[in-house]
Amino acid sequence: GRFGTVYLCEDKSTRRRFAAKYVRCRRSADRQSINHEIDIMNQLRHPRILQLYDAFDCGKEVAMIMELITGGELFQLVIDEAVELSEKACVSYVRQLCEAVSYMHEQNILHLDLKPENIMCISKKGTAIKLIDFGLARKFDPKEDNRVMFGTPEFVAPEVINFDSIDYSTDMWSIGVITYVLLSGLSPFMGDTDQETLTNVTLAEFDFDDEAFDNISDDAKNFIEQLLLKDKE
């Protein structure tokens, strides 16, 4: 979630390797934020979610001991012109993402910052992934009126921009955008500025006219259309 310095570490007794992320806490708000993320991660035990094993208060820093993932961000595959993701590979990525998010929703937790940068490939080979970065995640009470004002413009849902009530479908909107991006290499709502992007999102207008979608199945397009619904009634 929060920026920090990541070190490779090893358990001397088992020789198992981990990632140790050191996050500097300059203010009490920083510490509250990192403690919130740790609390969220401690509630998430799933093979498609980055696992936190321990956390230590080191005075001005907090050390988070997490599982080691070496495959890099899914985002790097999206922007690599030498890599052409097949629809089959995209289906695999999205299915795993849906498994992770479905599990989070079963725990009444919303991720609220789903994007390719927050999806890590387990290795350089294969399509196995894990969801990371729970700095913006929130516990969700369906009985309450939940509203937030944060997220990444390109992937955020209209209700966040309009400061309306959020729910499980807020994450599912982001999955729709991610699916569009993975299949085409294009972003459905990207404008020249963040403000233009946010306006495009609130209009919820997109199409599959680009030639990148010529060989994409109707099932895949329908999946995206079912998620990128502005009015969910």
C-alpha atoms as a PDB file:
ATOM      1  CA  GLY A   1       0.000   0.000   0.000  1.00  0.00           C
ATOM      2  CA  ARG A   2       2.243   2.781   1.272  1.00  0.00           C
ATOM      3  CA  PHE A   3       5.593   3.376  -0.392  1.00  0.00           C
ATOM      4  CA  GLY A   4       8.527   1.820   1.400  1.00  0.00           C
ATOM      5  CA  THR A   5      11.840   0.048   0.928  1.00  0.00           C
ATOM      6  CA  VAL A   6      11.597  -3.674   0.224  1.00  0.00           C
ATOM      7  CA  TYR A   7      14.339  -6.120   1.180  1.00  0.00           C
ATOM      8  CA  LEU A   8      14.784  -9.803   0.484  1.00  0.00           C
ATOM      9  CA  CYS A   9      15.013 -11.687   3.780  1.00  0.00           C
ATOM     10  CA  GLU A  10      15.400 -15.308   4.790  1.00  0.00           C
ATOM     11  CA  ASP A  11      14.247 -17.357   7.758  1.00  0.00           C
ATOM     12  CA  LYS A  12      17.515 -18.851   9.017  1.00  0.00           C
ATOM     13  CA  SER A  13      15.848 -21.972  10.397  1.00  0.00           C
ATOM     14  CA  THR A  14      13.756 -22.881   7.344  1.00  0.00           C
ATOM     15  CA  ARG A  15      15.691 -21.084   4.575  1.00  0.00           C
ATOM     16  CA  ARG A  16      12.358 -19.748   3.372  1.00  0.00           C
ATOM     17  CA  ARG A  17      12.591 -16.351   1.690  1.00  0.00           C
ATOM     18  CA  PHE A  18      10.257 -13.416   2.275  1.00  0.00           C
ATOM     19  CA  ALA A  19       9.876  -9.781   1.280  1.00  0.00           C
ATOM     20  CA  ALA A  20      10.437  -7.324   4.141  1.00  0.00           C
ATOM     21  CA  LYS A  21       8.846  -3.947   3.462  1.00  0.00           C
ATOM     22  CA  TYR A  22       9.961  -1.071   5.673  1.00  0.00           C
ATOM     23  CA  VAL A  23       7.538   1.850   5.761  1.00  0.00           C
ATOM     24  CA  ARG A  24       8.576   5.124   7.393  1.00  0.00           C
ATOM     25  CA  CYS A  25       5.980   6.621   9.741  1.00  0.00           C
ATOM     26  CA  ARG A  26       6.708  10.327  10.052  1.00  0.00           C
ATOM     27  CA  ARG A  27       3.309  11.294  11.446  1.00  0.00           C
ATOM     28  CA  SER A  28       0.679   9.628  13.583  1.00  0.00           C
ATOM     29  CA  ALA A  29      -1.571   9.573  10.502  1.00  0.00           C
ATOM     30  CA  ASP A  30       1.074   7.486   8.696  1.00  0.00           C
ATOM     31  CA  ARG A  31       1.089   4.988  11.535  1.00  0.00           C
ATOM     32  CA  GLN A  32      -2.713   4.822  11.602  1.00  0.00           C
ATOM     33  CA  SER A  33      -2.735   4.195   7.857  1.00  0.00           C
ATOM     34  CA  ILE A  34      -0.166   1.403   7.964  1.00  0.00           C
ATOM     35  CA  ASN A  35      -1.854  -0.193  10.980  1.00  0.00           C
ATOM     36  CA  HIS A  36      -5.128  -0.138   9.034  1.00  0.00           C
ATOM     37  CA  GLU A  37      -3.494  -1.901   6.090  1.00  0.00           C
ATOM     38  CA  ILE A  38      -1.940  -4.499   8.401  1.00  0.00           C
ATOM     39  CA  ASP A  39      -5.324  -5.095  10.037  1.00  0.00           C
ATOM     40  CA  ILE A  40      -6.964  -5.621   6.638  1.00  0.00           C
ATOM     41  CA  MET A  41      -4.211  -7.978   5.424  1.00  0.00           C
ATOM     42  CA  ASN A  42      -4.413 -10.037   8.618  1.00  0.00           C
ATOM     43  CA  GLN A  43      -8.034 -10.810   7.722  1.00  0.00           C
ATOM     44  CA  LEU A  44      -7.170 -12.055   4.236  1.00  0.00           C
ATOM     45  CA  ARG A  45      -5.974 -15.645   3.833  1.00  0.00           C
ATOM     46  CA  HIS A  46      -6.367 -16.690   0.218  1.00  0.00           C
ATOM     47  CA  PRO A  47      -4.022 -18.156  -2.441  1.00  0.00           C
ATOM     48  CA  ARG A  48      -4.773 -15.270  -4.835  1.00  0.00           C
ATOM     49  CA  ILE A  49      -3.957 -12.562  -2.276  1.00  0.00           C
ATOM     50  CA  LEU A  50      -0.511 -11.421  -1.117  1.00  0.00           C
ATOM     51  CA  GLN A  51      -0.016 -12.830   2.378  1.00  0.00           C
ATOM     52  CA  LEU A  52       1.266 -10.848   5.333  1.00  0.00           C
ATOM     53  CA  TYR A  53       3.062 -13.073   7.839  1.00  0.00           C
ATOM     54  CA  ASP A  54       4.169 -10.601  10.479  1.00  0.00           C
ATOM     55  CA  ALA A  55       4.690  -6.922  11.238  1.00  0.00           C
ATOM     56  CA  PHE A  56       7.102  -5.182  13.595  1.00  0.00           C
ATOM     57  CA  ASP A  57       7.210  -1.670  15.018  1.00  0.00           C
ATOM     58  CA  CYS A  58      10.772  -0.417  14.552  1.00  0.00           C
ATOM     59  CA  GLY A  59      10.311   3.036  16.042  1.00  0.00           C
ATOM     60  CA  LYS A  60      10.136   5.410  13.092  1.00  0.00           C
ATOM     61  CA  GLU A  61       9.427   2.536  10.712  1.00  0.00           C
ATOM     62  CA  VAL A  62       7.106  -0.442  10.491  1.00  0.00           C
ATOM     63  CA  ALA A  63       8.429  -3.660   8.960  1.00  0.00           C
ATOM     64  CA  MET A  64       5.936  -5.862   7.119  1.00  0.00           C
ATOM     65  CA  ILE A  65       7.043  -9.446   6.416  1.00  0.00           C
ATOM     66  CA  MET A  66       5.221 -10.687   3.320  1.00  0.00           C
ATOM     67  CA  GLU A  67       5.424 -13.573   0.905  1.00  0.00           C
ATOM     68  CA  LEU A  68       7.960 -13.094  -1.869  1.00  0.00           C
ATOM     69  CA  ILE A  69       6.592 -12.639  -5.400  1.00  0.00           C
ATOM     70  CA  THR A  70       9.096 -12.290  -8.243  1.00  0.00           C
ATOM     71  CA  GLY A  71       7.060 -12.120 -11.453  1.00  0.00           C
ATOM     72  CA  GLY A  72       6.509  -8.354 -11.581  1.00  0.00           C
ATOM     73  CA  GLU A  73       3.356  -6.311 -12.100  1.00  0.00           C
ATOM     74  CA  LEU A  74       0.698  -7.393 -14.577  1.00  0.00           C
ATOM     75  CA  PHE A  75       0.879  -3.745 -15.693  1.00  0.00           C
ATOM     76  CA  GLN A  76       4.319  -4.416 -17.207  1.00  0.00           C
ATOM     77  CA  LEU A  77       2.801  -7.037 -19.520  1.00  0.00           C
ATOM     78  CA  VAL A  78       0.101  -4.576 -20.572  1.00  0.00           C
ATOM     79  CA  ILE A  79       2.604  -1.897 -21.641  1.00  0.00           C
ATOM     80  CA  ASP A  80       5.188  -4.285 -23.133  1.00  0.00           C
ATOM     81  CA  GLU A  81       4.724  -4.027 -26.896  1.00  0.00           C
ATOM     82  CA  ALA A  82       6.603  -7.304 -27.347  1.00  0.00           C
ATOM     83  CA  VAL A  83       3.908  -9.137 -25.379  1.00  0.00           C
ATOM     84  CA  GLU A  84       0.532  -9.844 -26.945  1.00  0.00           C
ATOM     85  CA  LEU A  85      -1.859 -11.214 -24.349  1.00  0.00           C
ATOM     86  CA  SER A  86      -4.200 -13.860 -25.748  1.00  0.00           C
ATOM     87  CA  GLU A  87      -7.853 -13.852 -24.741  1.00  0.00           C
ATOM     88  CA  LYS A  88      -7.211 -17.196 -23.034  1.00  0.00           C
ATOM     89  CA  ALA A  89      -4.471 -15.627 -20.883  1.00  0.00           C
ATOM     90  CA  CYS A  90      -6.692 -12.632 -20.097  1.00  0.00           C
ATOM     91  CA  VAL A  91      -9.501 -14.957 -19.010  1.00  0.00           C
ATOM     92  CA  SER A  92      -7.065 -16.687 -16.650  1.00  0.00           C
ATOM     93  CA  TYR A  93      -5.930 -13.395 -15.116  1.00  0.00           C
ATOM     94  CA  VAL A  94      -9.466 -12.070 -14.692  1.00  0.00           C
ATOM     95  CA  ARG A  95     -10.790 -15.341 -13.261  1.00  0.00           C
ATOM     96  CA  GLN A  96      -8.095 -15.306 -10.571  1.00  0.00           C
ATOM     97  CA  LEU A  97      -8.742 -11.628  -9.862  1.00  0.00           C
ATOM     98  CA  CYS A  98     -12.452 -12.383  -9.449  1.00  0.00           C
ATOM     99  CA  GLU A  99     -11.606 -15.227  -7.049  1.00  0.00           C
ATOM    100  CA  ALA A 100      -9.527 -12.857  -4.910  1.00  0.00           C
ATOM    101  CA  VAL A 101     -12.108 -10.072  -4.921  1.00  0.00           C
ATOM    102  CA  SER A 102     -14.993 -12.480  -4.285  1.00  0.00           C
ATOM    103  CA  TYR A 103     -13.145 -13.750  -1.215  1.00  0.00           C
ATOM    104  CA  MET A 104     -12.556 -10.179  -0.005  1.00  0.00           C
ATOM    105  CA  HIS A 105     -16.238  -9.385  -0.453  1.00  0.00           C
ATOM    106  CA  GLU A 106     -17.162 -12.495   1.550  1.00  0.00           C
ATOM    107  CA  GLN A 107     -15.125 -10.926   4.374  1.00  0.00           C
ATOM    108  CA  ASN A 108     -17.029  -7.647   3.803  1.00  0.00           C
ATOM    109  CA  ILE A 109     -13.895  -5.887   2.604  1.00  0.00           C
ATOM    110  CA  LEU A 110     -13.734  -3.656  -0.483  1.00  0.00           C
ATOM    111  CA  HIS A 111     -10.352  -3.244  -2.212  1.00  0.00           C
ATOM    112  CA  LEU A 112     -11.180   0.126  -3.867  1.00  0.00           C
ATOM    113  CA  ASP A 113      -7.937   0.397  -5.854  1.00  0.00           C
ATOM    114  CA  LEU A 114      -8.043  -2.446  -8.354  1.00  0.00           C
ATOM    115  CA  LYS A 115      -5.727  -1.835 -11.332  1.00  0.00           C
ATOM    116  CA  PRO A 116      -3.025  -3.765 -13.241  1.00  0.00           C
ATOM    117  CA  GLU A 117      -0.295  -2.199 -11.070  1.00  0.00           C
ATOM    118  CA  ASN A 118      -1.851  -3.915  -8.040  1.00  0.00           C
ATOM    119  CA  ILE A 119      -1.847  -7.372  -9.599  1.00  0.00           C
ATOM    120  CA  MET A 120       1.436  -9.274  -9.341  1.00  0.00           C
ATOM    121  CA  CYS A 121       2.540 -12.232 -11.446  1.00  0.00           C
ATOM    122  CA  ILE A 122       3.835 -15.043  -9.240  1.00  0.00           C
ATOM    123  CA  SER A 123       6.607 -15.831 -11.729  1.00  0.00           C
ATOM    124  CA  LYS A 124       7.786 -14.855 -15.203  1.00  0.00           C
ATOM    125  CA  LYS A 125       6.179 -18.012 -16.585  1.00  0.00           C
ATOM    126  CA  GLY A 126       2.504 -18.958 -16.542  1.00  0.00           C
ATOM    127  CA  THR A 127      -0.472 -16.778 -15.655  1.00  0.00           C
ATOM    128  CA  ALA A 128      -0.717 -17.233 -11.875  1.00  0.00           C
ATOM    129  CA  ILE A 129      -1.284 -13.913 -10.087  1.00  0.00           C
ATOM    130  CA  LYS A 130      -1.851 -12.392  -6.665  1.00  0.00           C
ATOM    131  CA  LEU A 131      -3.706  -9.241  -5.654  1.00  0.00           C
ATOM    132  CA  ILE A 132      -1.676  -6.702  -3.659  1.00  0.00           C
ATOM    133  CA  ASP A 133      -1.910  -3.222  -2.093  1.00  0.00           C
ATOM    134  CA  PHE A 134      -4.621  -2.920   0.538  1.00  0.00           C
ATOM    135  CA  GLY A 135      -3.832   0.635   1.604  1.00  0.00           C
ATOM    136  CA  LEU A 136      -7.212   1.938   0.421  1.00  0.00           C
ATOM    137  CA  ALA A 137      -9.242  -1.167   1.321  1.00  0.00           C
ATOM    138  CA  ARG A 138     -12.188  -0.656   3.668  1.00  0.00           C
ATOM    139  CA  LYS A 139     -14.466  -2.796   5.791  1.00  0.00           C
ATOM    140  CA  PHE A 140     -17.935  -2.599   4.279  1.00  0.00           C
ATOM    141  CA  ASP A 141     -21.214  -2.594   6.181  1.00  0.00           C
ATOM    142  CA  PRO A 142     -24.151  -3.023   3.765  1.00  0.00           C
ATOM    143  CA  LYS A 143     -26.449  -1.420   6.344  1.00  0.00           C
ATOM    144  CA  GLU A 144     -24.464   1.825   6.337  1.00  0.00           C
ATOM    145  CA  ASP A 145     -24.102   4.575   3.741  1.00  0.00           C
ATOM    146  CA  ASN A 146     -20.489   4.091   2.659  1.00  0.00           C
ATOM    147  CA  ARG A 147     -18.791   6.826   0.606  1.00  0.00           C
ATOM    148  CA  VAL A 148     -15.151   7.460  -0.322  1.00  0.00           C
ATOM    149  CA  MET A 149     -13.267  10.064  -2.337  1.00  0.00           C
ATOM    150  CA  PHE A 150     -10.144   8.310  -3.571  1.00  0.00           C
ATOM    151  CA  GLY A 151      -8.970   5.894  -6.234  1.00  0.00           C
ATOM    152  CA  THR A 152      -7.159   5.875  -9.568  1.00  0.00           C
ATOM    153  CA  PRO A 153      -9.105   7.975 -12.143  1.00  0.00           C
ATOM    154  CA  GLU A 154      -8.731   5.480 -14.991  1.00  0.00           C
ATOM    155  CA  PHE A 155     -10.182   2.583 -12.970  1.00  0.00           C
ATOM    156  CA  VAL A 156     -12.453   4.247 -10.414  1.00  0.00           C
ATOM    157  CA  ALA A 157     -16.237   3.758 -10.513  1.00  0.00           C
ATOM    158  CA  PRO A 158     -18.725   6.610 -11.182  1.00  0.00           C
ATOM    159  CA  GLU A 159     -20.183   6.439  -7.667  1.00  0.00           C
ATOM    160  CA  VAL A 160     -16.774   7.288  -6.176  1.00  0.00           C
ATOM    161  CA  ILE A 161     -16.383  10.341  -8.407  1.00  0.00           C
ATOM    162  CA  ASN A 162     -19.932  11.476  -7.627  1.00  0.00           C
ATOM    163  CA  PHE A 163     -19.447  10.748  -3.902  1.00  0.00           C
ATOM    164  CA  ASP A 164     -22.424   8.390  -3.948  1.00  0.00           C
ATOM    165  CA  SER A 165     -22.768   5.190  -1.925  1.00  0.00           C
ATOM    166  CA  ILE A 166     -20.268   2.459  -2.731  1.00  0.00           C
ATOM    167  CA  ASP A 167     -20.716  -1.300  -2.491  1.00  0.00           C
ATOM    168  CA  TYR A 168     -19.354  -4.537  -3.921  1.00  0.00           C
ATOM    169  CA  SER A 169     -20.116  -3.382  -7.468  1.00  0.00           C
ATOM    170  CA  THR A 170     -17.596  -0.546  -7.032  1.00  0.00           C
ATOM    171  CA  ASP A 171     -14.788  -3.112  -7.193  1.00  0.00           C
ATOM    172  CA  MET A 172     -16.511  -5.003 -10.005  1.00  0.00           C
ATOM    173  CA  TRP A 173     -16.549  -1.848 -12.161  1.00  0.00           C
ATOM    174  CA  SER A 174     -12.760  -1.713 -11.833  1.00  0.00           C
ATOM    175  CA  ILE A 175     -12.537  -5.362 -12.903  1.00  0.00           C
ATOM    176  CA  GLY A 176     -14.520  -4.426 -16.017  1.00  0.00           C
ATOM    177  CA  VAL A 177     -12.015  -1.688 -16.871  1.00  0.00           C
ATOM    178  CA  ILE A 178      -9.073  -4.017 -16.192  1.00  0.00           C
ATOM    179  CA  THR A 179     -10.587  -6.665 -18.488  1.00  0.00           C
ATOM    180  CA  TYR A 180     -11.013  -4.080 -21.271  1.00  0.00           C
ATOM    181  CA  VAL A 181      -7.386  -2.986 -20.858  1.00  0.00           C
ATOM    182  CA  LEU A 182      -6.000  -6.535 -20.810  1.00  0.00           C
ATOM    183  CA  LEU A 183      -7.899  -7.600 -23.927  1.00  0.00           C
ATOM    184  CA  SER A 184      -7.131  -4.526 -26.020  1.00  0.00           C
ATOM    185  CA  GLY A 185      -4.203  -2.636 -24.531  1.00  0.00           C
ATOM    186  CA  LEU A 186      -6.542   0.366 -24.558  1.00  0.00           C
ATOM    187  CA  SER A 187      -8.247   2.194 -21.712  1.00  0.00           C
ATOM    188  CA  PRO A 188     -12.012   2.759 -22.120  1.00  0.00           C
ATOM    189  CA  PHE A 189     -12.217   6.114 -20.321  1.00  0.00           C
ATOM    190  CA  MET A 190      -8.715   7.587 -20.510  1.00  0.00           C
ATOM    191  CA  GLY A 191      -8.679  11.316 -21.295  1.00  0.00           C
ATOM    192  CA  ASP A 192      -5.854  13.806 -21.817  1.00  0.00           C
ATOM    193  CA  THR A 193      -6.161  14.945 -18.193  1.00  0.00           C
ATOM    194  CA  ASP A 194      -7.362  13.340 -14.967  1.00  0.00           C
ATOM    195  CA  GLN A 195     -10.412  15.604 -15.024  1.00  0.00           C
ATOM    196  CA  GLU A 196     -11.303  14.524 -18.552  1.00  0.00           C
ATOM    197  CA  THR A 197     -10.861  10.893 -17.537  1.00  0.00           C
ATOM    198  CA  LEU A 198     -13.168  11.353 -14.539  1.00  0.00           C
ATOM    199  CA  THR A 199     -15.770  13.021 -16.769  1.00  0.00           C
ATOM    200  CA  ASN A 200     -15.580  10.106 -19.213  1.00  0.00           C
ATOM    201  CA  VAL A 201     -16.084   7.645 -16.360  1.00  0.00           C
ATOM    202  CA  THR A 202     -19.191   9.442 -15.096  1.00  0.00           C
ATOM    203  CA  LEU A 203     -20.650   9.367 -18.628  1.00  0.00           C
ATOM    204  CA  ALA A 204     -19.893   5.617 -18.735  1.00  0.00           C
ATOM    205  CA  GLU A 205     -19.682   5.667 -22.519  1.00  0.00           C
ATOM    206  CA  PHE A 206     -17.339   3.196 -24.208  1.00  0.00           C
ATOM    207  CA  ASP A 207     -17.271   0.973 -27.283  1.00  0.00           C
ATOM    208  CA  PHE A 208     -15.457  -1.933 -28.879  1.00  0.00           C
ATOM    209  CA  ASP A 209     -14.894  -0.189 -32.216  1.00  0.00           C
ATOM    210  CA  ASP A 210     -11.104  -0.355 -32.196  1.00  0.00           C
ATOM    211  CA  GLU A 211      -9.562  -3.100 -34.343  1.00  0.00           C
ATOM    212  CA  ALA A 212      -8.005  -4.490 -31.150  1.00  0.00           C
ATOM    213  CA  PHE A 213     -11.441  -5.998 -30.442  1.00  0.00           C
ATOM    214  CA  ASP A 214     -11.918  -7.553 -33.895  1.00  0.00           C
ATOM    215  CA  ASN A 215     -10.995 -11.046 -32.691  1.00  0.00           C
ATOM    216  CA  ILE A 216     -12.328 -10.762 -29.148  1.00  0.00           C
ATOM    217  CA  SER A 217     -15.272 -13.037 -28.326  1.00  0.00           C
ATOM    218  CA  ASP A 218     -18.793 -11.781 -27.709  1.00  0.00           C
ATOM    219  CA  ASP A 219     -18.653 -13.471 -24.302  1.00  0.00           C
ATOM    220  CA  ALA A 220     -15.708 -11.296 -23.293  1.00  0.00           C
ATOM    221  CA  LYS A 221     -17.390  -8.125 -24.536  1.00  0.00           C
ATOM    222  CA  ASN A 222     -20.610  -9.064 -22.758  1.00  0.00           C
ATOM    223  CA  PHE A 223     -18.662  -9.663 -19.536  1.00  0.00           C
ATOM    224  CA  ILE A 224     -17.271  -6.121 -19.737  1.00  0.00           C
ATOM    225  CA  GLU A 225     -20.686  -4.641 -20.544  1.00  0.00           C
ATOM    226  CA  GLN A 226     -22.226  -6.349 -17.507  1.00  0.00           C
ATOM    227  CA  LEU A 227     -19.619  -4.758 -15.227  1.00  0.00           C
ATOM    228  CA  LEU A 228     -19.416  -1.255 -16.685  1.00  0.00           C
ATOM    229  CA  LEU A 229     -23.000  -0.371 -15.828  1.00  0.00           C
ATOM    230  CA  LYS A 230     -23.563   3.157 -14.581  1.00  0.00           C
ATOM    231  CA  ASP A 231     -27.061   2.444 -13.279  1.00  0.00           C
ATOM    232  CA  LYS A 232     -26.956  -0.868 -11.472  1.00  0.00           C
ATOM    233  CA  GLU A 233     -30.649  -1.166 -10.670  1.00  0.00           C
END
